[in-house]
N, C-alpha and C. Protein backbone atom coordinates (compact mmCIF):
# COMPACT_ATOMS: atom_id res chain seq x y z
N MET A 1 0.84 -1.17 0.00
CA MET A 1 0.00 0.00 0.00
C MET A 1 0.89 1.24 0.00
N ILE A 2 0.62 2.14 -0.88
CA ILE A 2 1.39 3.37 -0.97
C ILE A 2 0.60 4.49 -0.33
N ILE A 3 1.25 5.17 0.57
CA ILE A 3 0.63 6.31 1.24
C ILE A 3 1.09 7.56 0.51
N ARG A 4 0.15 8.31 -0.02
CA ARG A 4 0.48 9.52 -0.77
C ARG A 4 0.54 10.69 0.20
N GLN A 5 1.68 11.34 0.23
CA GLN A 5 1.85 12.53 1.04
C GLN A 5 2.47 13.61 0.19
N GLU A 6 1.75 14.66 -0.02
CA GLU A 6 2.29 15.77 -0.79
C GLU A 6 3.04 16.70 0.15
N ALA A 7 4.21 17.11 -0.30
CA ALA A 7 5.01 18.05 0.48
C ALA A 7 4.30 19.39 0.50
N ALA A 8 4.78 20.27 1.32
CA ALA A 8 4.19 21.61 1.43
C ALA A 8 4.15 22.30 0.06
N SER A 9 5.09 21.94 -0.82
CA SER A 9 5.13 22.55 -2.14
C SER A 9 4.05 22.01 -3.06
N GLY A 10 3.38 20.96 -2.64
CA GLY A 10 2.36 20.36 -3.48
C GLY A 10 2.90 19.26 -4.39
N TRP A 11 4.19 18.99 -4.32
CA TRP A 11 4.79 17.96 -5.16
C TRP A 11 4.54 16.59 -4.55
N ASP A 12 4.01 15.68 -5.32
CA ASP A 12 3.74 14.31 -4.89
C ASP A 12 4.80 13.41 -5.51
N PRO A 13 5.76 12.93 -4.74
CA PRO A 13 6.83 12.10 -5.29
C PRO A 13 6.31 10.84 -6.00
N THR A 14 5.21 10.27 -5.51
CA THR A 14 4.71 9.04 -6.12
C THR A 14 4.09 9.29 -7.50
N ALA A 15 3.88 10.53 -7.87
CA ALA A 15 3.39 10.85 -9.20
C ALA A 15 4.54 11.06 -10.19
N SER A 16 5.76 10.99 -9.70
CA SER A 16 6.94 11.21 -10.52
C SER A 16 7.50 9.89 -11.05
N PRO A 17 7.87 9.83 -12.33
CA PRO A 17 8.49 8.61 -12.85
C PRO A 17 9.75 8.22 -12.09
N THR A 18 10.50 9.20 -11.61
CA THR A 18 11.74 8.87 -10.90
C THR A 18 11.48 8.11 -9.61
N PHE A 19 10.36 8.35 -8.98
CA PHE A 19 10.01 7.58 -7.78
C PHE A 19 9.89 6.10 -8.16
N TRP A 20 9.21 5.84 -9.28
CA TRP A 20 8.97 4.46 -9.70
C TRP A 20 10.22 3.83 -10.29
N ILE A 21 11.09 4.64 -10.91
CA ILE A 21 12.37 4.11 -11.39
C ILE A 21 13.16 3.59 -10.19
N ASN A 22 13.24 4.38 -9.15
CA ASN A 22 13.98 3.98 -7.95
C ASN A 22 13.36 2.75 -7.31
N ASP A 23 12.04 2.75 -7.18
CA ASP A 23 11.36 1.63 -6.53
C ASP A 23 11.53 0.35 -7.34
N ALA A 24 11.36 0.45 -8.66
CA ALA A 24 11.52 -0.73 -9.52
C ALA A 24 12.95 -1.24 -9.46
N SER A 25 13.92 -0.35 -9.49
CA SER A 25 15.32 -0.75 -9.42
C SER A 25 15.62 -1.49 -8.12
N ARG A 26 15.12 -0.97 -7.03
CA ARG A 26 15.34 -1.59 -5.72
C ARG A 26 14.77 -3.01 -5.68
N VAL A 27 13.54 -3.17 -6.17
CA VAL A 27 12.89 -4.48 -6.15
C VAL A 27 13.59 -5.45 -7.10
N VAL A 28 13.92 -5.01 -8.30
CA VAL A 28 14.60 -5.88 -9.26
C VAL A 28 15.96 -6.30 -8.72
N MET A 29 16.72 -5.36 -8.17
CA MET A 29 18.04 -5.70 -7.64
C MET A 29 17.94 -6.70 -6.49
N ARG A 30 16.92 -6.54 -5.66
CA ARG A 30 16.73 -7.49 -4.56
C ARG A 30 16.45 -8.90 -5.12
N ARG A 31 15.62 -8.98 -6.16
CA ARG A 31 15.33 -10.28 -6.78
C ARG A 31 16.58 -10.87 -7.44
N PHE A 32 17.36 -10.02 -8.13
CA PHE A 32 18.61 -10.50 -8.72
C PHE A 32 19.51 -11.08 -7.63
N GLU A 33 19.68 -10.36 -6.54
CA GLU A 33 20.54 -10.83 -5.45
C GLU A 33 20.03 -12.16 -4.89
N GLU A 34 18.72 -12.28 -4.74
CA GLU A 34 18.14 -13.54 -4.24
C GLU A 34 18.47 -14.70 -5.16
N ARG A 35 18.43 -14.46 -6.47
CA ARG A 35 18.69 -15.52 -7.45
C ARG A 35 20.18 -15.81 -7.59
N LEU A 36 21.03 -14.80 -7.40
CA LEU A 36 22.47 -14.99 -7.57
C LEU A 36 23.15 -15.58 -6.33
N ARG A 37 22.62 -15.28 -5.17
CA ARG A 37 23.23 -15.74 -3.92
C ARG A 37 23.50 -17.24 -3.90
N PRO A 38 22.54 -18.09 -4.31
CA PRO A 38 22.82 -19.53 -4.32
C PRO A 38 23.95 -19.93 -5.27
N LEU A 39 24.26 -19.08 -6.23
CA LEU A 39 25.34 -19.36 -7.17
C LEU A 39 26.69 -18.89 -6.65
N GLY A 40 26.68 -18.22 -5.51
CA GLY A 40 27.93 -17.81 -4.88
C GLY A 40 28.37 -16.39 -5.16
N PHE A 41 27.52 -15.59 -5.81
CA PHE A 41 27.91 -14.20 -6.02
C PHE A 41 26.69 -13.31 -6.14
N GLY A 42 26.97 -12.02 -6.17
CA GLY A 42 25.90 -11.03 -6.26
C GLY A 42 26.17 -10.06 -7.38
N MET A 43 25.42 -9.00 -7.40
CA MET A 43 25.52 -8.03 -8.48
C MET A 43 26.88 -7.35 -8.54
N ALA A 44 27.56 -7.20 -7.43
CA ALA A 44 28.89 -6.59 -7.45
C ALA A 44 29.84 -7.43 -8.31
N TYR A 45 29.78 -8.75 -8.18
CA TYR A 45 30.61 -9.64 -8.99
C TYR A 45 30.16 -9.63 -10.44
N PHE A 46 28.87 -9.52 -10.65
CA PHE A 46 28.31 -9.69 -11.98
C PHE A 46 28.90 -8.72 -13.01
N ARG A 47 29.01 -7.45 -12.66
CA ARG A 47 29.55 -6.47 -13.63
C ARG A 47 30.98 -6.80 -14.02
N VAL A 48 31.79 -7.23 -13.05
CA VAL A 48 33.17 -7.60 -13.34
C VAL A 48 33.20 -8.83 -14.25
N ILE A 49 32.40 -9.82 -13.92
CA ILE A 49 32.39 -11.06 -14.69
C ILE A 49 31.93 -10.81 -16.13
N VAL A 50 30.89 -10.03 -16.30
CA VAL A 50 30.38 -9.73 -17.65
C VAL A 50 31.43 -8.95 -18.45
N THR A 51 32.11 -8.02 -17.80
CA THR A 51 33.17 -7.26 -18.48
C THR A 51 34.30 -8.17 -18.92
N LEU A 52 34.72 -9.06 -18.03
CA LEU A 52 35.80 -9.99 -18.38
C LEU A 52 35.36 -10.98 -19.45
N GLU A 53 34.11 -11.37 -19.43
CA GLU A 53 33.60 -12.27 -20.47
C GLU A 53 33.70 -11.58 -21.84
N ALA A 54 33.36 -10.31 -21.88
CA ALA A 54 33.36 -9.57 -23.14
C ALA A 54 34.76 -9.22 -23.63
N HIS A 55 35.70 -8.95 -22.71
CA HIS A 55 37.00 -8.42 -23.09
C HIS A 55 38.18 -9.34 -22.84
N GLY A 56 37.96 -10.48 -22.21
CA GLY A 56 39.06 -11.37 -21.91
C GLY A 56 39.90 -10.84 -20.76
N MET A 57 41.15 -11.23 -20.72
CA MET A 57 42.03 -10.84 -19.63
C MET A 57 42.41 -9.37 -19.77
N VAL A 58 42.26 -8.64 -18.66
CA VAL A 58 42.57 -7.20 -18.65
C VAL A 58 43.24 -6.83 -17.34
N GLN A 59 43.86 -5.67 -17.34
CA GLN A 59 44.44 -5.14 -16.11
C GLN A 59 43.35 -4.52 -15.24
N GLN A 60 43.65 -4.42 -13.95
CA GLN A 60 42.70 -3.83 -13.01
C GLN A 60 42.33 -2.40 -13.41
N LYS A 61 43.29 -1.64 -13.90
CA LYS A 61 43.00 -0.25 -14.29
C LYS A 61 41.96 -0.19 -15.40
N ASP A 62 41.95 -1.21 -16.27
CA ASP A 62 40.96 -1.25 -17.35
C ASP A 62 39.57 -1.55 -16.81
N LEU A 63 39.48 -2.43 -15.82
CA LEU A 63 38.19 -2.70 -15.18
C LEU A 63 37.65 -1.45 -14.50
N LEU A 64 38.53 -0.67 -13.90
CA LEU A 64 38.11 0.56 -13.24
C LEU A 64 37.44 1.52 -14.23
N LYS A 65 37.97 1.59 -15.44
CA LYS A 65 37.41 2.48 -16.46
C LYS A 65 35.97 2.09 -16.81
N VAL A 66 35.72 0.81 -16.93
CA VAL A 66 34.41 0.34 -17.35
C VAL A 66 33.41 0.34 -16.20
N ILE A 67 33.83 -0.16 -15.06
CA ILE A 67 32.90 -0.35 -13.94
C ILE A 67 32.73 0.92 -13.12
N GLN A 68 33.67 1.80 -13.21
CA GLN A 68 33.61 3.12 -12.57
C GLN A 68 33.37 3.06 -11.07
N VAL A 69 34.28 2.36 -10.39
CA VAL A 69 34.33 2.39 -8.93
C VAL A 69 35.72 2.86 -8.54
N GLU A 70 35.88 3.23 -7.30
CA GLU A 70 37.18 3.68 -6.81
C GLU A 70 38.15 2.49 -6.75
N GLN A 71 39.43 2.78 -6.89
CA GLN A 71 40.45 1.73 -6.91
C GLN A 71 40.42 0.87 -5.65
N PRO A 72 40.32 1.43 -4.44
CA PRO A 72 40.27 0.56 -3.25
C PRO A 72 39.07 -0.38 -3.26
N THR A 73 37.94 0.11 -3.73
CA THR A 73 36.73 -0.73 -3.82
C THR A 73 36.96 -1.88 -4.78
N MET A 74 37.56 -1.59 -5.94
CA MET A 74 37.84 -2.63 -6.93
C MET A 74 38.84 -3.64 -6.37
N ALA A 75 39.86 -3.17 -5.67
CA ALA A 75 40.87 -4.08 -5.12
C ALA A 75 40.25 -5.07 -4.15
N VAL A 76 39.38 -4.59 -3.28
CA VAL A 76 38.71 -5.47 -2.32
C VAL A 76 37.79 -6.46 -3.04
N LEU A 77 37.04 -5.96 -4.02
CA LEU A 77 36.13 -6.81 -4.78
C LEU A 77 36.90 -7.92 -5.50
N LEU A 78 37.99 -7.57 -6.16
CA LEU A 78 38.78 -8.57 -6.88
C LEU A 78 39.41 -9.58 -5.93
N LYS A 79 39.81 -9.13 -4.77
CA LYS A 79 40.39 -10.06 -3.79
C LYS A 79 39.34 -11.10 -3.37
N ARG A 80 38.11 -10.63 -3.13
CA ARG A 80 37.02 -11.55 -2.77
C ARG A 80 36.70 -12.50 -3.93
N MET A 81 36.69 -11.96 -5.14
CA MET A 81 36.39 -12.80 -6.31
C MET A 81 37.47 -13.84 -6.54
N GLU A 82 38.71 -13.49 -6.26
CA GLU A 82 39.81 -14.45 -6.38
C GLU A 82 39.68 -15.52 -5.31
N ARG A 83 39.37 -15.11 -4.10
CA ARG A 83 39.15 -16.06 -3.00
C ARG A 83 38.04 -17.05 -3.34
N ASP A 84 36.98 -16.55 -3.99
CA ASP A 84 35.82 -17.38 -4.34
C ASP A 84 36.00 -18.11 -5.67
N ARG A 85 37.20 -18.00 -6.25
CA ARG A 85 37.57 -18.71 -7.48
C ARG A 85 36.75 -18.29 -8.70
N PHE A 86 36.42 -16.99 -8.79
CA PHE A 86 35.75 -16.47 -9.98
C PHE A 86 36.73 -15.82 -10.94
N ILE A 87 37.85 -15.34 -10.41
CA ILE A 87 38.88 -14.75 -11.26
C ILE A 87 40.24 -15.36 -10.93
N ALA A 88 41.14 -15.23 -11.88
CA ALA A 88 42.54 -15.63 -11.67
C ALA A 88 43.41 -14.51 -12.22
N ARG A 89 44.58 -14.38 -11.63
CA ARG A 89 45.53 -13.35 -12.08
C ARG A 89 46.77 -14.03 -12.64
N LYS A 90 47.38 -13.35 -13.62
CA LYS A 90 48.66 -13.83 -14.15
C LYS A 90 49.46 -12.61 -14.56
N PRO A 91 50.77 -12.71 -14.58
CA PRO A 91 51.60 -11.57 -14.97
C PRO A 91 51.27 -11.10 -16.39
N ASP A 92 51.30 -9.79 -16.57
CA ASP A 92 51.07 -9.21 -17.90
C ASP A 92 52.39 -9.28 -18.66
N PRO A 93 52.43 -10.01 -19.77
CA PRO A 93 53.69 -10.14 -20.51
C PRO A 93 54.18 -8.81 -21.10
N ASN A 94 53.29 -7.82 -21.20
CA ASN A 94 53.67 -6.53 -21.77
C ASN A 94 54.03 -5.48 -20.72
N ASP A 95 53.80 -5.80 -19.44
CA ASP A 95 54.07 -4.85 -18.35
C ASP A 95 54.42 -5.64 -17.10
N SER A 96 55.70 -5.70 -16.79
CA SER A 96 56.17 -6.54 -15.68
C SER A 96 55.62 -6.10 -14.32
N ARG A 97 55.11 -4.86 -14.24
CA ARG A 97 54.56 -4.37 -12.98
C ARG A 97 53.09 -4.72 -12.80
N ALA A 98 52.43 -5.19 -13.86
CA ALA A 98 50.98 -5.38 -13.83
C ALA A 98 50.61 -6.85 -13.92
N GLN A 99 49.39 -7.11 -13.53
CA GLN A 99 48.81 -8.44 -13.66
C GLN A 99 47.56 -8.35 -14.53
N LEU A 100 47.29 -9.44 -15.24
CA LEU A 100 46.06 -9.55 -16.00
C LEU A 100 45.05 -10.33 -15.18
N ILE A 101 43.82 -9.93 -15.27
CA ILE A 101 42.73 -10.58 -14.53
C ILE A 101 41.82 -11.24 -15.55
N GLY A 102 41.46 -12.48 -15.30
CA GLY A 102 40.58 -13.20 -16.20
C GLY A 102 39.64 -14.11 -15.44
N LEU A 103 38.65 -14.62 -16.15
CA LEU A 103 37.66 -15.50 -15.55
C LEU A 103 38.20 -16.92 -15.40
N THR A 104 37.75 -17.58 -14.37
CA THR A 104 38.03 -19.00 -14.19
C THR A 104 36.93 -19.80 -14.88
N SER A 105 37.15 -21.08 -15.05
CA SER A 105 36.11 -21.92 -15.64
C SER A 105 34.88 -21.94 -14.73
N ARG A 106 35.09 -21.88 -13.43
CA ARG A 106 33.96 -21.83 -12.49
C ARG A 106 33.09 -20.59 -12.76
N ALA A 107 33.72 -19.45 -12.98
CA ALA A 107 32.98 -18.22 -13.24
C ALA A 107 32.17 -18.34 -14.53
N ARG A 108 32.75 -18.96 -15.55
CA ARG A 108 32.04 -19.11 -16.82
C ARG A 108 30.79 -19.98 -16.66
N VAL A 109 30.91 -21.05 -15.90
CA VAL A 109 29.76 -21.92 -15.65
C VAL A 109 28.69 -21.17 -14.87
N MET A 110 29.10 -20.48 -13.82
CA MET A 110 28.15 -19.76 -12.98
C MET A 110 27.52 -18.58 -13.72
N LEU A 111 28.27 -17.97 -14.63
CA LEU A 111 27.72 -16.85 -15.39
C LEU A 111 26.55 -17.30 -16.25
N GLY A 112 26.67 -18.45 -16.88
CA GLY A 112 25.56 -18.97 -17.68
C GLY A 112 24.32 -19.18 -16.83
N LYS A 113 24.52 -19.74 -15.64
CA LYS A 113 23.39 -19.95 -14.73
C LYS A 113 22.82 -18.62 -14.24
N ALA A 114 23.71 -17.67 -13.97
CA ALA A 114 23.27 -16.35 -13.49
C ALA A 114 22.44 -15.64 -14.54
N LYS A 115 22.88 -15.70 -15.80
CA LYS A 115 22.13 -15.04 -16.87
C LYS A 115 20.73 -15.64 -17.01
N THR A 116 20.64 -16.95 -16.85
CA THR A 116 19.33 -17.60 -16.90
C THR A 116 18.44 -17.11 -15.77
N GLU A 117 18.98 -17.08 -14.56
CA GLU A 117 18.20 -16.62 -13.40
C GLU A 117 17.77 -15.17 -13.56
N MET A 118 18.68 -14.33 -14.03
CA MET A 118 18.37 -12.92 -14.19
C MET A 118 17.34 -12.71 -15.31
N SER A 119 17.44 -13.50 -16.36
CA SER A 119 16.47 -13.42 -17.44
C SER A 119 15.07 -13.77 -16.92
N ASN A 120 15.01 -14.75 -16.04
CA ASN A 120 13.71 -15.12 -15.45
C ASN A 120 13.13 -13.97 -14.63
N VAL A 121 13.97 -13.27 -13.90
CA VAL A 121 13.51 -12.11 -13.12
C VAL A 121 13.00 -11.02 -14.06
N VAL A 122 13.75 -10.76 -15.13
CA VAL A 122 13.34 -9.73 -16.09
C VAL A 122 12.00 -10.09 -16.71
N GLU A 123 11.84 -11.33 -17.09
CA GLU A 123 10.56 -11.74 -17.69
C GLU A 123 9.41 -11.59 -16.70
N GLN A 124 9.66 -11.93 -15.45
CA GLN A 124 8.62 -11.74 -14.43
C GLN A 124 8.28 -10.26 -14.29
N ALA A 125 9.30 -9.43 -14.25
CA ALA A 125 9.10 -7.99 -14.09
C ALA A 125 8.37 -7.39 -15.29
N MET A 126 8.61 -7.91 -16.48
CA MET A 126 8.05 -7.34 -17.70
C MET A 126 6.72 -7.97 -18.11
N THR A 127 6.21 -8.89 -17.31
CA THR A 127 4.92 -9.52 -17.61
C THR A 127 3.86 -8.44 -17.80
N GLY A 128 3.14 -8.54 -18.91
CA GLY A 128 2.08 -7.58 -19.20
C GLY A 128 2.55 -6.34 -19.93
N ILE A 129 3.84 -6.25 -20.23
CA ILE A 129 4.38 -5.09 -20.95
C ILE A 129 4.78 -5.58 -22.34
N SER A 130 4.21 -4.98 -23.37
CA SER A 130 4.48 -5.41 -24.75
C SER A 130 5.93 -5.15 -25.13
N ALA A 131 6.38 -5.84 -26.19
CA ALA A 131 7.74 -5.64 -26.70
C ALA A 131 7.95 -4.19 -27.11
N LYS A 132 6.94 -3.59 -27.73
CA LYS A 132 7.06 -2.19 -28.16
C LYS A 132 7.21 -1.27 -26.94
N ASP A 133 6.41 -1.51 -25.90
CA ASP A 133 6.51 -0.70 -24.69
C ASP A 133 7.85 -0.91 -23.97
N ARG A 134 8.39 -2.12 -24.06
CA ARG A 134 9.71 -2.38 -23.47
C ARG A 134 10.77 -1.55 -24.18
N GLU A 135 10.68 -1.50 -25.52
CA GLU A 135 11.64 -0.70 -26.29
C GLU A 135 11.55 0.77 -25.92
N VAL A 136 10.33 1.27 -25.79
CA VAL A 136 10.13 2.66 -25.39
C VAL A 136 10.71 2.90 -24.00
N MET A 137 10.47 1.95 -23.10
CA MET A 137 10.98 2.07 -21.73
C MET A 137 12.50 2.13 -21.72
N VAL A 138 13.14 1.27 -22.47
CA VAL A 138 14.61 1.26 -22.52
C VAL A 138 15.14 2.58 -23.05
N ARG A 139 14.55 3.07 -24.16
CA ARG A 139 14.99 4.36 -24.71
C ARG A 139 14.79 5.48 -23.70
N ALA A 140 13.65 5.49 -23.04
CA ALA A 140 13.38 6.54 -22.07
C ALA A 140 14.36 6.49 -20.90
N LEU A 141 14.63 5.30 -20.40
CA LEU A 141 15.55 5.18 -19.26
C LEU A 141 16.98 5.54 -19.66
N LYS A 142 17.38 5.20 -20.88
CA LYS A 142 18.71 5.61 -21.35
C LYS A 142 18.79 7.13 -21.42
N THR A 143 17.71 7.77 -21.83
CA THR A 143 17.68 9.23 -21.89
C THR A 143 17.81 9.81 -20.49
N VAL A 144 17.13 9.23 -19.52
CA VAL A 144 17.24 9.70 -18.13
C VAL A 144 18.70 9.62 -17.68
N VAL A 145 19.34 8.49 -17.95
CA VAL A 145 20.74 8.30 -17.55
C VAL A 145 21.63 9.35 -18.22
N MET A 146 21.44 9.54 -19.52
CA MET A 146 22.26 10.53 -20.25
C MET A 146 22.00 11.94 -19.74
N ASN A 147 20.75 12.27 -19.49
CA ASN A 147 20.40 13.61 -19.02
C ASN A 147 21.08 13.94 -17.69
N LEU A 148 21.29 12.92 -16.89
CA LEU A 148 21.92 13.13 -15.58
C LEU A 148 23.41 12.85 -15.60
N GLY A 149 23.96 12.67 -16.80
CA GLY A 149 25.41 12.51 -16.93
C GLY A 149 25.92 11.15 -16.52
N GLY A 150 25.05 10.17 -16.52
CA GLY A 150 25.45 8.83 -16.11
C GLY A 150 26.13 8.06 -17.22
N ASP A 151 26.70 6.92 -16.86
CA ASP A 151 27.40 6.05 -17.77
C ASP A 151 26.40 5.14 -18.47
N MET A 152 26.58 4.96 -19.75
CA MET A 152 25.70 4.08 -20.51
C MET A 152 26.22 2.65 -20.55
N GLY A 153 27.23 2.32 -19.73
CA GLY A 153 27.71 0.96 -19.57
C GLY A 153 28.12 0.30 -20.86
N GLU A 154 27.18 -0.36 -21.53
CA GLU A 154 27.48 -1.13 -22.72
C GLU A 154 27.95 -0.27 -23.87
N GLU A 155 27.79 1.02 -23.78
CA GLU A 155 28.19 1.91 -24.87
C GLU A 155 29.68 2.21 -24.85
N THR A 156 30.39 1.87 -23.77
CA THR A 156 31.78 2.24 -23.62
C THR A 156 32.68 1.01 -23.60
N GLY A 157 33.71 1.03 -24.42
CA GLY A 157 34.67 -0.06 -24.43
C GLY A 157 35.76 0.17 -23.39
N LEU A 158 36.65 -0.81 -23.23
CA LEU A 158 37.72 -0.68 -22.25
C LEU A 158 38.64 0.49 -22.57
N ASP A 159 38.75 0.85 -23.83
CA ASP A 159 39.62 1.97 -24.21
C ASP A 159 38.90 3.31 -24.11
N GLY A 160 37.64 3.30 -23.62
CA GLY A 160 36.88 4.53 -23.48
C GLY A 160 36.14 4.93 -24.74
N SER A 161 36.32 4.15 -25.81
CA SER A 161 35.64 4.49 -27.06
C SER A 161 34.19 4.06 -27.01
N SER A 162 33.40 4.70 -27.84
CA SER A 162 31.98 4.37 -27.93
C SER A 162 31.81 3.12 -28.76
N ARG A 163 30.90 2.25 -28.33
CA ARG A 163 30.55 1.05 -29.08
C ARG A 163 29.06 1.09 -29.34
N GLY A 164 28.65 0.56 -30.44
CA GLY A 164 27.23 0.42 -30.71
C GLY A 164 26.52 1.72 -31.01
N GLY A 165 27.24 2.70 -31.49
CA GLY A 165 26.59 3.94 -31.89
C GLY A 165 26.85 5.07 -30.92
N THR A 166 26.51 6.22 -31.33
CA THR A 166 26.72 7.41 -30.53
C THR A 166 25.50 7.69 -29.69
N ALA A 167 25.70 7.89 -28.42
CA ALA A 167 24.59 8.22 -27.54
C ALA A 167 24.17 9.65 -27.82
N ARG A 168 22.87 9.86 -27.86
CA ARG A 168 22.35 11.20 -28.12
C ARG A 168 21.51 11.64 -26.94
N ARG A 169 21.56 12.90 -26.66
CA ARG A 169 20.67 13.47 -25.66
C ARG A 169 19.46 14.00 -26.40
N THR A 170 18.30 13.55 -25.98
CA THR A 170 17.08 14.01 -26.63
C THR A 170 16.22 14.72 -25.63
N THR A 171 15.49 15.70 -26.13
CA THR A 171 14.55 16.40 -25.25
C THR A 171 13.20 16.41 -25.94
N THR A 172 12.18 16.42 -25.12
CA THR A 172 10.83 16.50 -25.65
C THR A 172 10.10 17.61 -24.92
N ASN A 173 9.09 18.10 -25.53
CA ASN A 173 8.30 19.16 -24.94
C ASN A 173 6.96 18.60 -24.44
N SER A 174 7.04 17.67 -23.51
CA SER A 174 5.79 17.12 -23.00
C SER A 174 5.64 17.38 -21.52
């Protein structure tokens, strides 16, 4: 049950799309975590694993560019992932001071299972929403992210270059 309370200004947060974006994100992330936990990892691991799946072995500094977390946070995360046997490190043959980080066979197996579980959550969440409305939703949410200066994730490669087209900022008069 949602209790509607308008602030003194008359603004009702529950009438705002951003209220529902936040609420939907919170619920979806909780479901993802519930499904991933039995597989031995959560959403924090997932972004690293998906990046390594796409790009192969990379240095930690390259992961920082894509995932956009602080270096100490990444170091702790990678240490936990190594402990849990999701990643392995090896010396970088091109830089004696650096190590390359890559996925283990365990991570590859678990990633397939994780994608299946997450797909099931997405399908549950999207029940009753047409394919056309899903496309509109994705475009609208990407616009929200761009408008607020956020990262488009899949649009950026490890070298910082754009992939899959140029992101555009669009405005409407509605």
